[in-house]
């Protein structure tokens, strides 16, 4: 699954109605002082962490892994994990204004 599709799925399940995703250049975010701590799931310019995008579940599936709907996993994680590492709304607005 492409990273963009995963984020879109998360937004569809958890984000307020009318939410849209905006793709920005990673260097813009790094220059603005953002890190993986402020933007969960972002690799923050670390190419070693970007390698996770090449992982294949083929071996796990062949060993019997049963896949479930992504929305179910999203809801399970959201209900079990404390919300940490996100941009405050004013910071998000500031970054989006600077980007646009």
C-alpha atoms as a PDB file:
ATOM      1  CA  UNK A   1       0.000   0.000   0.000  1.00  0.00           C
ATOM      2  CA  UNK A   2       1.451   3.375  -0.914  1.00  0.00           C
ATOM      3  CA  UNK A   3       2.131   5.688   2.024  1.00  0.00           C
ATOM      4  CA  UNK A   4      -0.314   8.256   0.617  1.00  0.00           C
ATOM      5  CA  UNK A   5      -3.109   5.659   0.537  1.00  0.00           C
ATOM      6  CA  UNK A   6      -2.398   4.689   4.139  1.00  0.00           C
ATOM      7  CA  UNK A   7      -2.547   8.311   5.305  1.00  0.00           C
ATOM      8  CA  UNK A   8      -5.726   8.904   3.324  1.00  0.00           C
ATOM      9  CA  UNK A   9      -7.278   5.860   5.000  1.00  0.00           C
ATOM     10  CA  UNK A  10      -6.275   7.122   8.444  1.00  0.00           C
ATOM     11  CA  UNK A  11      -7.769  10.532   7.694  1.00  0.00           C
ATOM     12  CA  UNK A  12     -11.006   8.973   6.427  1.00  0.00           C
ATOM     13  CA  UNK A  13     -11.394   7.056   9.690  1.00  0.00           C
ATOM     14  CA  UNK A  14     -10.132   9.558  12.269  1.00  0.00           C
ATOM     15  CA  UNK A  15     -10.007  13.109  10.901  1.00  0.00           C
ATOM     16  CA  UNK A  16     -12.845  15.609  11.110  1.00  0.00           C
ATOM     17  CA  UNK A  17     -15.109  15.910   8.076  1.00  0.00           C
ATOM     18  CA  UNK A  18     -13.622  18.126   5.395  1.00  0.00           C
ATOM     19  CA  UNK A  19     -10.021  17.286   6.264  1.00  0.00           C
ATOM     20  CA  UNK A  20      -7.649  17.329   3.313  1.00  0.00           C
ATOM     21  CA  UNK A  21      -4.070  16.151   3.144  1.00  0.00           C
ATOM     22  CA  UNK A  22      -1.410  18.494   1.799  1.00  0.00           C
ATOM     23  CA  UNK A  23       1.860  17.104   0.465  1.00  0.00           C
ATOM     24  CA  UNK A  24       4.861  19.324   1.049  1.00  0.00           C
ATOM     25  CA  UNK A  25       8.535  18.975   0.259  1.00  0.00           C
ATOM     26  CA  UNK A  26      10.353  17.164   3.094  1.00  0.00           C
ATOM     27  CA  UNK A  27      13.130  19.763   3.064  1.00  0.00           C
ATOM     28  CA  UNK A  28      10.557  22.497   3.718  1.00  0.00           C
ATOM     29  CA  UNK A  29       9.500  20.677   6.889  1.00  0.00           C
ATOM     30  CA  UNK A  30      13.083  20.002   7.965  1.00  0.00           C
ATOM     31  CA  UNK A  31      13.973  23.668   7.404  1.00  0.00           C
ATOM     32  CA  UNK A  32      10.941  24.602   9.523  1.00  0.00           C
ATOM     33  CA  UNK A  33      12.290  22.481  12.382  1.00  0.00           C
ATOM     34  CA  UNK A  34       9.833  19.617  12.081  1.00  0.00           C
ATOM     35  CA  UNK A  35      10.796  16.103  13.069  1.00  0.00           C
ATOM     36  CA  UNK A  36       9.253  12.678  13.273  1.00  0.00           C
ATOM     37  CA  UNK A  37       8.181  13.658  16.809  1.00  0.00           C
ATOM     38  CA  UNK A  38       5.910  16.411  15.491  1.00  0.00           C
ATOM     39  CA  UNK A  39       4.699  14.485  12.454  1.00  0.00           C
ATOM     40  CA  UNK A  40       4.009  10.842  13.324  1.00  0.00           C
ATOM     41  CA  UNK A  41       4.629   8.320  10.552  1.00  0.00           C
ATOM     42  CA  UNK A  42       6.914  10.750   8.708  1.00  0.00           C
ATOM     43  CA  UNK A  43      10.437   9.526   8.212  1.00  0.00           C
ATOM     44  CA  UNK A  44      11.753  13.077   8.746  1.00  0.00           C
ATOM     45  CA  UNK A  45      14.290  12.893   5.936  1.00  0.00           C
ATOM     46  CA  UNK A  46      16.044   9.806   7.323  1.00  0.00           C
ATOM     47  CA  UNK A  47      16.473   7.584   4.278  1.00  0.00           C
ATOM     48  CA  UNK A  48      17.168   4.535   6.479  1.00  0.00           C
ATOM     49  CA  UNK A  49      13.682   4.822   7.942  1.00  0.00           C
ATOM     50  CA  UNK A  50      12.235   5.281   4.457  1.00  0.00           C
ATOM     51  CA  UNK A  51      13.299   1.704   3.756  1.00  0.00           C
ATOM     52  CA  UNK A  52      10.255   0.538   5.694  1.00  0.00           C
ATOM     53  CA  UNK A  53       8.282   1.490   2.592  1.00  0.00           C
ATOM     54  CA  UNK A  54       9.881  -1.440   0.765  1.00  0.00           C
ATOM     55  CA  UNK A  55       8.830  -4.125   3.278  1.00  0.00           C
ATOM     56  CA  UNK A  56       6.792  -6.993   1.881  1.00  0.00           C
ATOM     57  CA  UNK A  57       4.257  -9.028   3.873  1.00  0.00           C
ATOM     58  CA  UNK A  58       4.562 -11.969   1.452  1.00  0.00           C
ATOM     59  CA  UNK A  59       6.443 -14.248   3.865  1.00  0.00           C
ATOM     60  CA  UNK A  60       4.021 -13.524   6.707  1.00  0.00           C
ATOM     61  CA  UNK A  61       1.014 -14.125   4.470  1.00  0.00           C
ATOM     62  CA  UNK A  62       2.454 -17.400   3.220  1.00  0.00           C
ATOM     63  CA  UNK A  63       2.991 -18.420   6.864  1.00  0.00           C
ATOM     64  CA  UNK A  64      -0.691 -17.848   7.608  1.00  0.00           C
ATOM     65  CA  UNK A  65      -1.046 -14.159   8.444  1.00  0.00           C
ATOM     66  CA  UNK A  66      -4.682 -13.170   8.050  1.00  0.00           C
ATOM     67  CA  UNK A  67      -5.135  -9.618   6.852  1.00  0.00           C
ATOM     68  CA  UNK A  68      -7.959  -7.507   8.217  1.00  0.00           C
ATOM     69  CA  UNK A  69      -9.479  -4.259   6.998  1.00  0.00           C
ATOM     70  CA  UNK A  70      -7.158  -1.288   7.508  1.00  0.00           C
ATOM     71  CA  UNK A  71      -9.983   0.746   9.077  1.00  0.00           C
ATOM     72  CA  UNK A  72     -10.254  -1.862  11.836  1.00  0.00           C
ATOM     73  CA  UNK A  73      -6.526  -1.610  12.581  1.00  0.00           C
ATOM     74  CA  UNK A  74      -6.706   2.195  12.560  1.00  0.00           C
ATOM     75  CA  UNK A  75      -9.543   2.218  15.095  1.00  0.00           C
ATOM     76  CA  UNK A  76      -7.846  -0.403  17.278  1.00  0.00           C
ATOM     77  CA  UNK A  77      -4.576   1.539  17.396  1.00  0.00           C
ATOM     78  CA  UNK A  78      -6.332   4.864  17.990  1.00  0.00           C
ATOM     79  CA  UNK A  79      -8.307   3.444  20.900  1.00  0.00           C
ATOM     80  CA  UNK A  80      -5.309   1.692  22.488  1.00  0.00           C
ATOM     81  CA  UNK A  81      -2.516   4.230  22.084  1.00  0.00           C
ATOM     82  CA  UNK A  82      -2.273   7.671  23.670  1.00  0.00           C
ATOM     83  CA  UNK A  83      -2.196  10.447  21.100  1.00  0.00           C
ATOM     84  CA  UNK A  84       1.318  11.837  20.975  1.00  0.00           C
ATOM     85  CA  UNK A  85       3.497  13.652  18.515  1.00  0.00           C
ATOM     86  CA  UNK A  86       1.266  15.913  16.517  1.00  0.00           C
ATOM     87  CA  UNK A  87       1.273  19.506  15.404  1.00  0.00           C
ATOM     88  CA  UNK A  88      -0.762  21.992  17.371  1.00  0.00           C
ATOM     89  CA  UNK A  89      -3.443  23.536  15.117  1.00  0.00           C
ATOM     90  CA  UNK A  90      -1.755  26.963  15.110  1.00  0.00           C
ATOM     91  CA  UNK A  91       1.568  25.413  14.052  1.00  0.00           C
ATOM     92  CA  UNK A  92      -0.104  23.401  11.311  1.00  0.00           C
ATOM     93  CA  UNK A  93      -1.834  26.550  10.037  1.00  0.00           C
ATOM     94  CA  UNK A  94       1.444  28.474  10.104  1.00  0.00           C
ATOM     95  CA  UNK A  95       3.249  25.777   8.125  1.00  0.00           C
ATOM     96  CA  UNK A  96       0.460  25.425   5.578  1.00  0.00           C
ATOM     97  CA  UNK A  97       0.336  29.201   5.071  1.00  0.00           C
ATOM     98  CA  UNK A  98       4.106  29.309   4.567  1.00  0.00           C
ATOM     99  CA  UNK A  99       3.911  26.399   2.122  1.00  0.00           C
ATOM    100  CA  UNK A 100       1.112  27.928   0.058  1.00  0.00           C
END
